[in-house]
Amino acid sequence: MERGTEPDLFFFDIQPEQRAGLAELLGEHHLTLNEVTPVVTMRLKSVKGRSIADIRKDKNDTRPGWLLGHEFRSTYRGS
């Protein structure tokens, strides 16, 4: 890619009904909406069949505590 052609902004949590307004706002600033990619927010509920609550109680478990309550953001797309 040419320098300056890679995106440098990431808008998060834009709802479908807000997309046209965002595109209009970007256009006013001579920017374009290049790609819309869905993002899913999630947390762990269990690990290998053990609930997070049970894992937290286990004093022998070596997983870092932040991991068990962390909010992950993942994406998916067809290509």
Protein backbone atom coordinates (compact mmCIF):
# COMPACT_ATOMS: atom_id res chain seq x y z
CA MET A 1 0.00 0.00 0.00
CA GLU A 2 1.04 3.55 -0.61
CA ARG A 3 1.93 5.57 2.42
CA GLY A 4 -1.11 7.39 3.73
CA THR A 5 -3.66 5.02 2.24
CA GLU A 6 -4.05 2.77 5.27
CA PRO A 7 -6.90 3.54 7.68
CA ASP A 8 -5.98 5.44 10.81
CA LEU A 9 -9.40 5.67 12.46
CA PHE A 10 -11.52 2.95 14.00
CA PHE A 11 -15.09 3.69 15.01
CA PHE A 12 -16.52 1.34 17.57
CA ASP A 13 -20.13 0.46 18.36
CA ILE A 14 -21.73 2.14 15.36
CA GLN A 15 -25.31 0.89 15.16
CA PRO A 16 -26.88 0.09 11.76
CA GLU A 17 -29.15 3.15 11.95
CA GLN A 18 -26.09 5.37 12.59
CA ARG A 19 -24.09 4.23 9.55
CA ALA A 20 -25.51 6.77 7.06
CA GLY A 21 -24.93 9.63 9.50
CA LEU A 22 -21.35 8.53 10.07
CA ALA A 23 -20.71 8.29 6.33
CA GLU A 24 -22.13 11.81 5.92
CA LEU A 25 -19.98 13.18 8.75
CA LEU A 26 -16.86 11.59 7.30
CA GLY A 27 -17.71 12.99 3.87
CA GLU A 28 -17.89 16.50 5.32
CA HIS A 29 -14.26 16.03 6.33
CA HIS A 30 -13.25 14.48 2.98
CA LEU A 31 -12.91 11.02 4.51
CA THR A 32 -14.49 7.78 3.37
CA LEU A 33 -16.00 4.83 5.16
CA ASN A 34 -13.84 2.03 3.75
CA GLU A 35 -15.10 -1.06 5.49
CA VAL A 36 -17.66 -2.08 8.05
CA THR A 37 -16.72 -5.13 10.08
CA PRO A 38 -18.94 -6.58 12.82
CA VAL A 39 -17.40 -6.80 16.28
CA VAL A 40 -18.73 -9.08 18.99
CA THR A 41 -18.07 -8.35 22.66
CA MET A 42 -17.82 -11.42 24.88
CA ARG A 43 -16.61 -12.78 28.21
CA LEU A 44 -15.65 -16.28 29.27
CA LYS A 45 -18.47 -18.23 30.92
CA SER A 46 -16.52 -21.44 31.45
CA VAL A 47 -13.23 -23.11 30.56
CA LYS A 48 -13.25 -26.80 29.66
CA GLY A 49 -16.61 -27.21 31.40
CA ARG A 50 -15.61 -25.41 34.61
CA SER A 51 -17.47 -22.22 35.46
CA ILE A 52 -15.48 -19.04 35.94
CA ALA A 53 -16.78 -18.85 39.53
CA ASP A 54 -15.35 -22.32 40.28
CA ILE A 55 -12.02 -21.48 38.66
CA ARG A 56 -11.75 -18.27 40.72
CA LYS A 57 -12.24 -20.30 43.94
CA ASP A 58 -9.48 -22.77 42.99
CA LYS A 59 -6.32 -21.57 44.77
CA ASN A 60 -4.21 -23.96 42.63
CA ASP A 61 -5.34 -22.50 39.31
CA THR A 62 -2.53 -20.56 37.68
CA ARG A 63 -4.53 -18.50 35.17
CA PRO A 64 -4.16 -14.74 35.62
CA GLY A 65 -7.23 -13.30 37.36
CA TRP A 66 -7.73 -10.54 34.79
CA LEU A 67 -8.29 -13.16 32.10
CA LEU A 68 -11.35 -14.61 33.79
CA GLY A 69 -13.21 -11.29 33.83
CA HIS A 70 -11.77 -9.75 30.69
CA GLU A 71 -14.07 -8.45 27.97
CA PHE A 72 -12.90 -9.73 24.58
CA ARG A 73 -13.76 -8.12 21.27
CA SER A 74 -13.71 -10.40 18.28
CA THR A 75 -14.63 -9.97 14.66
CA TYR A 76 -15.87 -12.13 11.88
CA ARG A 77 -16.41 -11.66 8.19
CA GLY A 78 -16.91 -13.72 5.06
CA SER A 79 -13.55 -12.90 3.48
